[in-house]
Amino acid sequence: MITPVVFHSGATETILFDFWKIDCALTMVVSMIVVLVVSFFKEFLRVYRSNLHESKMNAPGNLILFTLQTFLSYSLMAIFMMLNVWLCLAVVIGEVFSNMVVGVVTKQKYEMC
């Protein structure tokens, strides 16, 4: 039987790992805040790596930073693909606000990736 793919607003989810479980409204709010923070961290990491690239410095840790940025990006995508309305909103709001803040702070224009 095929399960329909629809947005839902349930307050019981397991996010990415077995230890990250949502079972009430409080843990949902905390998880949304964590998703927002991860979005901000990913965006600042992207800008930091971009600045490393522009300065022509190929730092040895750049591969580690790239790996971390890719992991965070795919993690946010997987959270969005759970189709929980609240988590999807947290991902979108986190990406939008982090991009706005980074754009104001660094005077950079919006980039897709």
PDB file of N, CA and C in Angstrom:
ATOM      1  N   MET A   1       0.842  -1.179   0.000  1.00  0.00           N
ATOM      2  CA  MET A   1       0.000   0.000   0.000  1.00  0.00           C
ATOM      3  C   MET A   1       0.890   1.246   0.000  1.00  0.00           C
ATOM      4  N   ILE A   2       0.574   2.180  -0.852  1.00  0.00           N
ATOM      5  CA  ILE A   2       1.353   3.400  -0.966  1.00  0.00           C
ATOM      6  C   ILE A   2       0.791   4.447  -0.014  1.00  0.00           C
ATOM      7  N   THR A   3       1.670   5.009   0.788  1.00  0.00           N
ATOM      8  CA  THR A   3       1.277   6.059   1.722  1.00  0.00           C
ATOM      9  C   THR A   3       1.244   7.386   0.983  1.00  0.00           C
ATOM     10  N   PRO A   4       0.148   8.139   1.122  1.00  0.00           N
ATOM     11  CA  PRO A   4       0.095   9.437   0.440  1.00  0.00           C
ATOM     12  C   PRO A   4       1.121  10.409   1.026  1.00  0.00           C
ATOM     13  N   VAL A   5       1.682  11.228   0.162  1.00  0.00           N
ATOM     14  CA  VAL A   5       2.675  12.206   0.583  1.00  0.00           C
ATOM     15  C   VAL A   5       1.963  13.541   0.749  1.00  0.00           C
ATOM     16  N   VAL A   6       1.728  13.916   1.996  1.00  0.00           N
ATOM     17  CA  VAL A   6       1.025  15.169   2.289  1.00  0.00           C
ATOM     18  C   VAL A   6       1.694  15.849   3.481  1.00  0.00           C
ATOM     19  N   PHE A   7       1.532  17.158   3.535  1.00  0.00           N
ATOM     20  CA  PHE A   7       1.998  17.888   4.708  1.00  0.00           C
ATOM     21  C   PHE A   7       1.118  17.518   5.892  1.00  0.00           C
ATOM     22  N   HIS A   8       1.721  17.439   7.063  1.00  0.00           N
ATOM     23  CA  HIS A   8       0.969  17.160   8.278  1.00  0.00           C
ATOM     24  C   HIS A   8       1.501  18.045   9.401  1.00  0.00           C
ATOM     25  N   SER A   9       0.720  18.156  10.441  1.00  0.00           N
ATOM     26  CA  SER A   9       1.112  19.041  11.548  1.00  0.00           C
ATOM     27  C   SER A   9       1.210  18.290  12.868  1.00  0.00           C
ATOM     28  N   GLY A  10       1.567  17.052  12.811  1.00  0.00           N
ATOM     29  CA  GLY A  10       1.671  16.256  14.021  1.00  0.00           C
ATOM     30  C   GLY A  10       2.788  16.718  14.933  1.00  0.00           C
ATOM     31  N   ALA A  11       2.639  16.389  16.203  1.00  0.00           N
ATOM     32  CA  ALA A  11       3.645  16.782  17.195  1.00  0.00           C
ATOM     33  C   ALA A  11       4.454  15.583  17.663  1.00  0.00           C
ATOM     34  N   THR A  12       4.386  14.478  16.927  1.00  0.00           N
ATOM     35  CA  THR A  12       5.214  13.318  17.254  1.00  0.00           C
ATOM     36  C   THR A  12       6.020  12.948  16.013  1.00  0.00           C
ATOM     37  N   GLU A  13       7.316  13.120  16.103  1.00  0.00           N
ATOM     38  CA  GLU A  13       8.229  12.851  14.986  1.00  0.00           C
ATOM     39  C   GLU A  13       9.539  12.315  15.542  1.00  0.00           C
ATOM     40  N   THR A  14      10.245  11.609  14.713  1.00  0.00           N
ATOM     41  CA  THR A  14      11.642  11.278  14.976  1.00  0.00           C
ATOM     42  C   THR A  14      12.439  11.958  13.882  1.00  0.00           C
ATOM     43  N   ILE A  15      13.324  12.868  14.270  1.00  0.00           N
ATOM     44  CA  ILE A  15      14.052  13.687  13.303  1.00  0.00           C
ATOM     45  C   ILE A  15      15.463  13.134  13.132  1.00  0.00           C
ATOM     46  N   LEU A  16      15.748  12.641  11.963  1.00  0.00           N
ATOM     47  CA  LEU A  16      17.073  12.187  11.523  1.00  0.00           C
ATOM     48  C   LEU A  16      17.648  11.022  12.320  1.00  0.00           C
ATOM     49  N   PHE A  17      17.631  11.076  13.627  1.00  0.00           N
ATOM     50  CA  PHE A  17      18.242  10.041  14.461  1.00  0.00           C
ATOM     51  C   PHE A  17      17.254   9.612  15.542  1.00  0.00           C
ATOM     52  N   ASP A  18      17.425   8.400  16.058  1.00  0.00           N
ATOM     53  CA  ASP A  18      16.506   7.881  17.073  1.00  0.00           C
ATOM     54  C   ASP A  18      16.493   8.708  18.354  1.00  0.00           C
ATOM     55  N   PHE A  19      17.598   9.376  18.670  1.00  0.00           N
ATOM     56  CA  PHE A  19      17.640  10.148  19.915  1.00  0.00           C
ATOM     57  C   PHE A  19      16.944  11.502  19.791  1.00  0.00           C
ATOM     58  N   TRP A  20      16.603  11.932  18.578  1.00  0.00           N
ATOM     59  CA  TRP A  20      15.952  13.234  18.379  1.00  0.00           C
ATOM     60  C   TRP A  20      14.469  12.997  18.120  1.00  0.00           C
ATOM     61  N   LYS A  21      13.735  12.851  19.209  1.00  0.00           N
ATOM     62  CA  LYS A  21      12.302  12.564  19.115  1.00  0.00           C
ATOM     63  C   LYS A  21      11.486  13.756  19.593  1.00  0.00           C
ATOM     64  N   ILE A  22      10.392  13.981  18.912  1.00  0.00           N
ATOM     65  CA  ILE A  22       9.441  15.019  19.313  1.00  0.00           C
ATOM     66  C   ILE A  22       8.205  14.296  19.822  1.00  0.00           C
ATOM     67  N   ASP A  23       7.802  14.629  21.049  1.00  0.00           N
ATOM     68  CA  ASP A  23       6.624  13.972  21.610  1.00  0.00           C
ATOM     69  C   ASP A  23       5.622  14.944  22.217  1.00  0.00           C
ATOM     70  N   CYS A  24       5.937  16.238  22.202  1.00  0.00           N
ATOM     71  CA  CYS A  24       4.999  17.240  22.716  1.00  0.00           C
ATOM     72  C   CYS A  24       5.318  18.585  22.073  1.00  0.00           C
ATOM     73  N   ALA A  25       4.505  19.571  22.373  1.00  0.00           N
ATOM     74  CA  ALA A  25       4.681  20.900  21.772  1.00  0.00           C
ATOM     75  C   ALA A  25       6.016  21.531  22.174  1.00  0.00           C
ATOM     76  N   LEU A  26       6.444  21.319  23.411  1.00  0.00           N
ATOM     77  CA  LEU A  26       7.704  21.910  23.872  1.00  0.00           C
ATOM     78  C   LEU A  26       8.895  21.375  23.076  1.00  0.00           C
ATOM     79  N   THR A  27       8.953  20.061  22.884  1.00  0.00           N
ATOM     80  CA  THR A  27      10.068  19.508  22.112  1.00  0.00           C
ATOM     81  C   THR A  27       9.983  19.912  20.642  1.00  0.00           C
ATOM     82  N   MET A  28       8.777  20.174  20.142  1.00  0.00           N
ATOM     83  CA  MET A  28       8.636  20.675  18.768  1.00  0.00           C
ATOM     84  C   MET A  28       9.233  22.074  18.655  1.00  0.00           C
ATOM     85  N   VAL A  29       8.935  22.940  19.627  1.00  0.00           N
ATOM     86  CA  VAL A  29       9.473  24.308  19.614  1.00  0.00           C
ATOM     87  C   VAL A  29      10.995  24.277  19.738  1.00  0.00           C
ATOM     88  N   VAL A  30      11.508  23.453  20.634  1.00  0.00           N
ATOM     89  CA  VAL A  30      12.960  23.340  20.796  1.00  0.00           C
ATOM     90  C   VAL A  30      13.593  22.826  19.499  1.00  0.00           C
ATOM     91  N   SER A  31      12.973  21.853  18.868  1.00  0.00           N
ATOM     92  CA  SER A  31      13.495  21.320  17.609  1.00  0.00           C
ATOM     93  C   SER A  31      13.461  22.363  16.505  1.00  0.00           C
ATOM     94  N   MET A  32      12.419  23.175  16.476  1.00  0.00           N
ATOM     95  CA  MET A  32      12.347  24.250  15.484  1.00  0.00           C
ATOM     96  C   MET A  32      13.477  25.253  15.699  1.00  0.00           C
ATOM     97  N   ILE A  33      13.769  25.557  16.955  1.00  0.00           N
ATOM     98  CA  ILE A  33      14.868  26.481  17.261  1.00  0.00           C
ATOM     99  C   ILE A  33      16.203  25.868  16.832  1.00  0.00           C
ATOM    100  N   VAL A  34      16.380  24.576  17.077  1.00  0.00           N
ATOM    101  CA  VAL A  34      17.609  23.895  16.653  1.00  0.00           C
ATOM    102  C   VAL A  34      17.751  23.960  15.133  1.00  0.00           C
ATOM    103  N   VAL A  35      16.658  23.739  14.408  1.00  0.00           N
ATOM    104  CA  VAL A  35      16.691  23.807  12.945  1.00  0.00           C
ATOM    105  C   VAL A  35      17.053  25.219  12.485  1.00  0.00           C
ATOM    106  N   LEU A  36      16.500  26.234  13.148  1.00  0.00           N
ATOM    107  CA  LEU A  36      16.850  27.622  12.814  1.00  0.00           C
ATOM    108  C   LEU A  36      18.341  27.878  13.029  1.00  0.00           C
ATOM    109  N   VAL A  37      18.873  27.409  14.143  1.00  0.00           N
ATOM    110  CA  VAL A  37      20.296  27.609  14.447  1.00  0.00           C
ATOM    111  C   VAL A  37      21.167  26.877  13.422  1.00  0.00           C
ATOM    112  N   VAL A  38      20.784  25.673  13.051  1.00  0.00           N
ATOM    113  CA  VAL A  38      21.539  24.921  12.046  1.00  0.00           C
ATOM    114  C   VAL A  38      21.521  25.656  10.709  1.00  0.00           C
ATOM    115  N   SER A  39      20.382  26.246  10.357  1.00  0.00           N
ATOM    116  CA  SER A  39      20.291  27.021   9.113  1.00  0.00           C
ATOM    117  C   SER A  39      21.243  28.206   9.137  1.00  0.00           C
ATOM    118  N   PHE A  40      21.276  28.922  10.260  1.00  0.00           N
ATOM    119  CA  PHE A  40      22.186  30.062  10.385  1.00  0.00           C
ATOM    120  C   PHE A  40      23.638  29.597  10.300  1.00  0.00           C
ATOM    121  N   PHE A  41      23.967  28.524  11.003  1.00  0.00           N
ATOM    122  CA  PHE A  41      25.338  28.026  10.995  1.00  0.00           C
ATOM    123  C   PHE A  41      25.760  27.609   9.589  1.00  0.00           C
ATOM    124  N   LYS A  42      24.865  26.929   8.871  1.00  0.00           N
ATOM    125  CA  LYS A  42      25.171  26.497   7.505  1.00  0.00           C
ATOM    126  C   LYS A  42      25.426  27.691   6.599  1.00  0.00           C
ATOM    127  N   GLU A  43      24.628  28.740   6.749  1.00  0.00           N
ATOM    128  CA  GLU A  43      24.784  29.927   5.900  1.00  0.00           C
ATOM    129  C   GLU A  43      26.092  30.658   6.217  1.00  0.00           C
ATOM    130  N   PHE A  44      26.408  30.817   7.484  1.00  0.00           N
ATOM    131  CA  PHE A  44      27.672  31.458   7.842  1.00  0.00           C
ATOM    132  C   PHE A  44      28.867  30.611   7.385  1.00  0.00           C
ATOM    133  N   LEU A  45      28.735  29.305   7.447  1.00  0.00           N
ATOM    134  CA  LEU A  45      29.788  28.419   6.957  1.00  0.00           C
ATOM    135  C   LEU A  45      29.977  28.583   5.452  1.00  0.00           C
ATOM    136  N   ARG A  46      28.872  28.709   4.719  1.00  0.00           N
ATOM    137  CA  ARG A  46      28.949  28.918   3.272  1.00  0.00           C
ATOM    138  C   ARG A  46      29.702  30.203   2.948  1.00  0.00           C
ATOM    139  N   VAL A  47      29.377  31.275   3.659  1.00  0.00           N
ATOM    140  CA  VAL A  47      30.039  32.557   3.413  1.00  0.00           C
ATOM    141  C   VAL A  47      31.514  32.485   3.800  1.00  0.00           C
ATOM    142  N   TYR A  48      31.816  31.836   4.899  1.00  0.00           N
ATOM    143  CA  TYR A  48      33.208  31.696   5.328  1.00  0.00           C
ATOM    144  C   TYR A  48      34.017  30.955   4.268  1.00  0.00           C
ATOM    145  N   ARG A  49      33.450  29.858   3.751  1.00  0.00           N
ATOM    146  CA  ARG A  49      34.143  29.111   2.703  1.00  0.00           C
ATOM    147  C   ARG A  49      34.282  29.935   1.438  1.00  0.00           C
ATOM    148  N   SER A  50      33.275  30.726   1.122  1.00  0.00           N
ATOM    149  CA  SER A  50      33.333  31.597  -0.054  1.00  0.00           C
ATOM    150  C   SER A  50      34.456  32.619   0.088  1.00  0.00           C
ATOM    151  N   ASN A  51      34.602  33.176   1.277  1.00  0.00           N
ATOM    152  CA  ASN A  51      35.680  34.140   1.519  1.00  0.00           C
ATOM    153  C   ASN A  51      37.052  33.476   1.447  1.00  0.00           C
ATOM    154  N   LEU A  52      37.150  32.228   1.902  1.00  0.00           N
ATOM    155  CA  LEU A  52      38.411  31.495   1.766  1.00  0.00           C
ATOM    156  C   LEU A  52      38.758  31.308   0.292  1.00  0.00           C
ATOM    157  N   HIS A  53      37.731  30.986  -0.492  1.00  0.00           N
ATOM    158  CA  HIS A  53      37.948  30.763  -1.922  1.00  0.00           C
ATOM    159  C   HIS A  53      38.358  32.054  -2.625  1.00  0.00           C
ATOM    160  N   GLU A  54      37.711  33.179  -2.267  1.00  0.00           N
ATOM    161  CA  GLU A  54      38.019  34.463  -2.897  1.00  0.00           C
ATOM    162  C   GLU A  54      39.422  34.948  -2.554  1.00  0.00           C
ATOM    163  N   SER A  55      39.900  34.622  -1.368  1.00  0.00           N
ATOM    164  CA  SER A  55      41.238  35.070  -0.980  1.00  0.00           C
ATOM    165  C   SER A  55      42.328  34.146  -1.536  1.00  0.00           C
ATOM    166  N   LYS A  56      41.913  33.181  -2.351  1.00  0.00           N
ATOM    167  CA  LYS A  56      42.842  32.239  -2.996  1.00  0.00           C
ATOM    168  C   LYS A  56      43.615  31.396  -1.996  1.00  0.00           C
ATOM    169  N   MET A  57      43.105  31.326  -0.789  1.00  0.00           N
ATOM    170  CA  MET A  57      43.741  30.479   0.221  1.00  0.00           C
ATOM    171  C   MET A  57      43.020  29.136   0.231  1.00  0.00           C
ATOM    172  N   ASN A  58      43.717  28.100  -0.157  1.00  0.00           N
ATOM    173  CA  ASN A  58      43.137  26.775  -0.121  1.00  0.00           C
ATOM    174  C   ASN A  58      43.554  26.121   1.188  1.00  0.00           C
ATOM    175  N   ALA A  59      42.856  26.476   2.227  1.00  0.00           N
ATOM    176  CA  ALA A  59      43.194  25.984   3.562  1.00  0.00           C
ATOM    177  C   ALA A  59      43.015  24.468   3.621  1.00  0.00           C
ATOM    178  N   PRO A  60      43.863  23.782   4.385  1.00  0.00           N
ATOM    179  CA  PRO A  60      43.743  22.330   4.499  1.00  0.00           C
ATOM    180  C   PRO A  60      42.400  21.899   5.088  1.00  0.00           C
ATOM    181  N   GLY A  61      41.821  22.754   5.907  1.00  0.00           N
ATOM    182  CA  GLY A  61      40.541  22.416   6.519  1.00  0.00           C
ATOM    183  C   GLY A  61      39.346  22.676   5.633  1.00  0.00           C
ATOM    184  N   ASN A  62      39.585  23.160   4.409  1.00  0.00           N
ATOM    185  CA  ASN A  62      38.477  23.489   3.521  1.00  0.00           C
ATOM    186  C   ASN A  62      37.647  22.254   3.178  1.00  0.00           C
ATOM    187  N   LEU A  63      38.290  21.109   3.019  1.00  0.00           N
ATOM    188  CA  LEU A  63      37.566  19.877   2.730  1.00  0.00           C
ATOM    189  C   LEU A  63      36.660  19.496   3.894  1.00  0.00           C
ATOM    190  N   ILE A  64      37.143  19.678   5.103  1.00  0.00           N
ATOM    191  CA  ILE A  64      36.327  19.389   6.287  1.00  0.00           C
ATOM    192  C   ILE A  64      35.142  20.341   6.352  1.00  0.00           C
ATOM    193  N   LEU A  65      35.383  21.620   6.074  1.00  0.00           N
ATOM    194  CA  LEU A  65      34.296  22.600   6.072  1.00  0.00           C
ATOM    195  C   LEU A  65      33.276  22.283   4.982  1.00  0.00           C
ATOM    196  N   PHE A  66      33.750  21.870   3.813  1.00  0.00           N
ATOM    197  CA  PHE A  66      32.850  21.489   2.727  1.00  0.00           C
ATOM    198  C   PHE A  66      32.000  20.290   3.124  1.00  0.00           C
ATOM    199  N   THR A  67      32.636  19.306   3.762  1.00  0.00           N
ATOM    200  CA  THR A  67      31.913  18.117   4.209  1.00  0.00           C
ATOM    201  C   THR A  67      30.843  18.489   5.227  1.00  0.00           C
ATOM    202  N   LEU A  68      31.184  19.352   6.173  1.00  0.00           N
ATOM    203  CA  LEU A  68      30.222  19.794   7.182  1.00  0.00           C
ATOM    204  C   LEU A  68      29.079  20.570   6.538  1.00  0.00           C
ATOM    205  N   GLN A  69      29.393  21.466   5.617  1.00  0.00           N
ATOM    206  CA  GLN A  69      28.359  22.243   4.938  1.00  0.00           C
ATOM    207  C   GLN A  69      27.419  21.329   4.153  1.00  0.00           C
ATOM    208  N   THR A  70      27.976  20.345   3.462  1.00  0.00           N
ATOM    209  CA  THR A  70      27.157  19.409   2.692  1.00  0.00           C
ATOM    210  C   THR A  70      26.279  18.574   3.612  1.00  0.00           C
ATOM    211  N   PHE A  71      26.840  18.101   4.722  1.00  0.00           N
ATOM    212  CA  PHE A  71      26.055  17.318   5.682  1.00  0.00           C
ATOM    213  C   PHE A  71      24.893  18.137   6.238  1.00  0.00           C
ATOM    214  N   LEU A  72      25.160  19.388   6.604  1.00  0.00           N
ATOM    215  CA  LEU A  72      24.096  20.242   7.137  1.00  0.00           C
ATOM    216  C   LEU A  72      23.031  20.519   6.083  1.00  0.00           C
ATOM    217  N   SER A  73      23.444  20.747   4.852  1.00  0.00           N
ATOM    218  CA  SER A  73      22.486  21.013   3.776  1.00  0.00           C
ATOM    219  C   SER A  73      21.570  19.818   3.549  1.00  0.00           C
ATOM    220  N   TYR A  74      22.151  18.630   3.456  1.00  0.00           N
ATOM    221  CA  TYR A  74      21.339  17.436   3.247  1.00  0.00           C
ATOM    222  C   TYR A  74      20.482  17.112   4.474  1.00  0.00           C
ATOM    223  N   SER A  75      20.973  17.416   5.652  1.00  0.00           N
ATOM    224  CA  SER A  75      20.173  17.197   6.863  1.00  0.00           C
ATOM    225  C   SER A  75      18.945  18.098   6.864  1.00  0.00           C
ATOM    226  N   LEU A  76      19.132  19.361   6.500  1.00  0.00           N
ATOM    227  CA  LEU A  76      17.988  20.278   6.418  1.00  0.00           C
ATOM    228  C   LEU A  76      17.006  19.819   5.343  1.00  0.00           C
ATOM    229  N   MET A  77      17.520  19.309   4.233  1.00  0.00           N
ATOM    230  CA  MET A  77      16.642  18.797   3.186  1.00  0.00           C
ATOM    231  C   MET A  77      15.848  17.594   3.697  1.00  0.00           C
ATOM    232  N   ALA A  78      16.504  16.699   4.424  1.00  0.00           N
ATOM    233  CA  ALA A  78      15.814  15.524   4.959  1.00  0.00           C
ATOM    234  C   ALA A  78      14.752  15.927   5.976  1.00  0.00           C
ATOM    235  N   ILE A  79      15.043  16.935   6.788  1.00  0.00           N
ATOM    236  CA  ILE A  79      14.049  17.428   7.747  1.00  0.00           C
ATOM    237  C   ILE A  79      12.853  17.994   7.001  1.00  0.00           C
ATOM    238  N   PHE A  80      13.101  18.761   5.949  1.00  0.00           N
ATOM    239  CA  PHE A  80      11.996  19.316   5.163  1.00  0.00           C
ATOM    240  C   PHE A  80      11.174  18.196   4.529  1.00  0.00           C
ATOM    241  N   MET A  81      11.841  17.151   4.068  1.00  0.00           N
ATOM    242  CA  MET A  81      11.146  16.058   3.385  1.00  0.00           C
ATOM    243  C   MET A  81      10.296  15.213   4.325  1.00  0.00           C
ATOM    244  N   MET A  82      10.384  15.467   5.624  1.00  0.00           N
ATOM    245  CA  MET A  82       9.476  14.797   6.557  1.00  0.00           C
ATOM    246  C   MET A  82       8.064  15.341   6.397  1.00  0.00           C
ATOM    247  N   LEU A  83       7.942  16.512   5.766  1.00  0.00           N
ATOM    248  CA  LEU A  83       6.688  17.178   5.444  1.00  0.00           C
ATOM    249  C   LEU A  83       5.864  17.554   6.672  1.00  0.00           C
ATOM    250  N   ASN A  84       6.526  17.736   7.790  1.00  0.00           N
ATOM    251  CA  ASN A  84       5.843  18.286   8.957  1.00  0.00           C
ATOM    252  C   ASN A  84       5.807  19.801   8.770  1.00  0.00           C
ATOM    253  N   VAL A  85       4.621  20.374   8.816  1.00  0.00           N
ATOM    254  CA  VAL A  85       4.447  21.799   8.528  1.00  0.00           C
ATOM    255  C   VAL A  85       5.360  22.653   9.394  1.00  0.00           C
ATOM    256  N   TRP A  86       5.461  22.344  10.671  1.00  0.00           N
ATOM    257  CA  TRP A  86       6.233  23.171  11.596  1.00  0.00           C
ATOM    258  C   TRP A  86       7.728  23.076  11.310  1.00  0.00           C
ATOM    259  N   LEU A  87       8.190  21.890  11.012  1.00  0.00           N
ATOM    260  CA  LEU A  87       9.607  21.725  10.690  1.00  0.00           C
ATOM    261  C   LEU A  87       9.941  22.346   9.337  1.00  0.00           C
ATOM    262  N   CYS A  88       9.026  22.224   8.376  1.00  0.00           N
ATOM    263  CA  CYS A  88       9.236  22.871   7.072  1.00  0.00           C
ATOM    264  C   CYS A  88       9.310  24.382   7.229  1.00  0.00           C
ATOM    265  N   LEU A  89       8.425  24.936   8.051  1.00  0.00           N
ATOM    266  CA  LEU A  89       8.471  26.383   8.308  1.00  0.00           C
ATOM    267  C   LEU A  89       9.790  26.776   8.960  1.00  0.00           C
ATOM    268  N   ALA A  90      10.259  25.974   9.894  1.00  0.00           N
ATOM    269  CA  ALA A  90      11.530  26.281  10.559  1.00  0.00           C
ATOM    270  C   ALA A  90      12.681  26.273   9.560  1.00  0.00           C
ATOM    271  N   VAL A  91      12.687  25.318   8.635  1.00  0.00           N
ATOM    272  CA  VAL A  91      13.749  25.261   7.626  1.00  0.00           C
ATOM    273  C   VAL A  91      13.682  26.484   6.720  1.00  0.00           C
ATOM    274  N   VAL A  92      12.497  26.797   6.213  1.00  0.00           N
ATOM    275  CA  VAL A  92      12.350  27.931   5.286  1.00  0.00           C
ATOM    276  C   VAL A  92      12.675  29.248   5.982  1.00  0.00           C
ATOM    277  N   ILE A  93      12.112  29.458   7.161  1.00  0.00           N
ATOM    278  CA  ILE A  93      12.369  30.709   7.894  1.00  0.00           C
ATOM    279  C   ILE A  93      13.851  30.811   8.252  1.00  0.00           C
ATOM    280  N   GLY A  94      14.448  29.717   8.677  1.00  0.00           N
ATOM    281  CA  GLY A  94      15.871  29.731   8.997  1.00  0.00           C
ATOM    282  C   GLY A  94      16.725  30.078   7.794  1.00  0.00           C
ATOM    283  N   GLU A  95      16.408  29.501   6.641  1.00  0.00           N
ATOM    284  CA  GLU A  95      17.176  29.796   5.427  1.00  0.00           C
ATOM    285  C   GLU A  95      16.989  31.248   4.992  1.00  0.00           C
ATOM    286  N   VAL A  96      15.755  31.733   5.027  1.00  0.00           N
ATOM    287  CA  VAL A  96      15.480  33.108   4.584  1.00  0.00           C
ATOM    288  C   VAL A  96      16.151  34.121   5.509  1.00  0.00           C
ATOM    289  N   PHE A  97      15.922  33.984   6.808  1.00  0.00           N
ATOM    290  CA  PHE A  97      16.493  34.957   7.745  1.00  0.00           C
ATOM    291  C   PHE A  97      18.016  34.873   7.807  1.00  0.00           C
ATOM    292  N   SER A  98      18.555  33.671   7.752  1.00  0.00           N
ATOM    293  CA  SER A  98      20.015  33.568   7.783  1.00  0.00           C
ATOM    294  C   SER A  98      20.623  34.189   6.531  1.00  0.00           C
ATOM    295  N   ASN A  99      19.967  34.014   5.394  1.00  0.00           N
ATOM    296  CA  ASN A  99      20.477  34.633   4.171  1.00  0.00           C
ATOM    297  C   ASN A  99      20.378  36.147   4.241  1.00  0.00           C
ATOM    298  N   MET A 100      19.292  36.658   4.824  1.00  0.00           N
ATOM    299  CA  MET A 100      19.147  38.109   4.977  1.00  0.00           C
ATOM    300  C   MET A 100      20.215  38.661   5.912  1.00  0.00           C
ATOM    301  N   VAL A 101      20.419  38.014   7.048  1.00  0.00           N
ATOM    302  CA  VAL A 101      21.398  38.487   8.028  1.00  0.00           C
ATOM    303  C   VAL A 101      22.801  38.429   7.441  1.00  0.00           C
ATOM    304  N   VAL A 102      23.137  37.329   6.805  1.00  0.00           N
ATOM    305  CA  VAL A 102      24.460  37.201   6.204  1.00  0.00           C
ATOM    306  C   VAL A 102      24.639  38.239   5.102  1.00  0.00           C
ATOM    307  N   GLY A 103      23.596  38.489   4.320  1.00  0.00           N
ATOM    308  CA  GLY A 103      23.679  39.493   3.267  1.00  0.00           C
ATOM    309  C   GLY A 103      23.920  40.879   3.813  1.00  0.00           C
ATOM    310  N   VAL A 104      23.270  41.217   4.924  1.00  0.00           N
ATOM    311  CA  VAL A 104      23.460  42.536   5.534  1.00  0.00           C
ATOM    312  C   VAL A 104      24.846  42.641   6.155  1.00  0.00           C
ATOM    313  N   VAL A 105      25.256  41.604   6.865  1.00  0.00           N
ATOM    314  CA  VAL A 105      26.542  41.638   7.562  1.00  0.00           C
ATOM    315  C   VAL A 105      27.710  41.640   6.584  1.00  0.00           C
ATOM    316  N   THR A 106      27.635  40.830   5.544  1.00  0.00           N
ATOM    317  CA  THR A 106      28.775  40.683   4.633  1.00  0.00           C
ATOM    318  C   THR A 106      28.615  41.461   3.338  1.00  0.00           C
ATOM    319  N   LYS A 107      27.480  42.108   3.160  1.00  0.00           N
ATOM    320  CA  LYS A 107      27.203  42.877   1.938  1.00  0.00           C
ATOM    321  C   LYS A 107      27.237  41.997   0.686  1.00  0.00           C
ATOM    322  N   GLN A 108      26.900  40.718   0.852  1.00  0.00           N
ATOM    323  CA  GLN A 108      26.867  39.815  -0.298  1.00  0.00           C
ATOM    324  C   GLN A 108      25.464  39.740  -0.853  1.00  0.00           C
ATOM    325  N   LYS A 109      25.376  39.504  -2.159  1.00  0.00           N
ATOM    326  CA  LYS A 109      24.086  39.303  -2.794  1.00  0.00           C
ATOM    327  C   LYS A 109      23.681  37.849  -2.630  1.00  0.00           C
ATOM    328  N   TYR A 110      22.398  37.587  -2.830  1.00  0.00           N
ATOM    329  CA  TYR A 110      21.859  36.245  -2.664  1.00  0.00           C
ATOM    330  C   TYR A 110      22.469  35.288  -3.684  1.00  0.00           C
ATOM    331  N   GLU A 111      22.834  34.091  -3.203  1.00  0.00           N
ATOM    332  CA  GLU A 111      23.308  33.015  -4.063  1.00  0.00           C
ATOM    333  C   GLU A 111      22.444  31.800  -3.821  1.00  0.00           C
ATOM    334  N   MET A 112      22.254  31.013  -4.845  1.00  0.00           N
ATOM    335  CA  MET A 112      21.443  29.814  -4.698  1.00  0.00           C
ATOM    336  C   MET A 112      22.148  28.760  -3.845  1.00  0.00           C
ATOM    337  N   CYS A 113      23.413  28.517  -4.039  1.00  0.00           N
ATOM    338  CA  CYS A 113      24.108  27.459  -3.305  1.00  0.00           C
ATOM    339  C   CYS A 113      25.419  27.929  -2.754  1.00  0.00           C
TER     340      CYS A 113
END
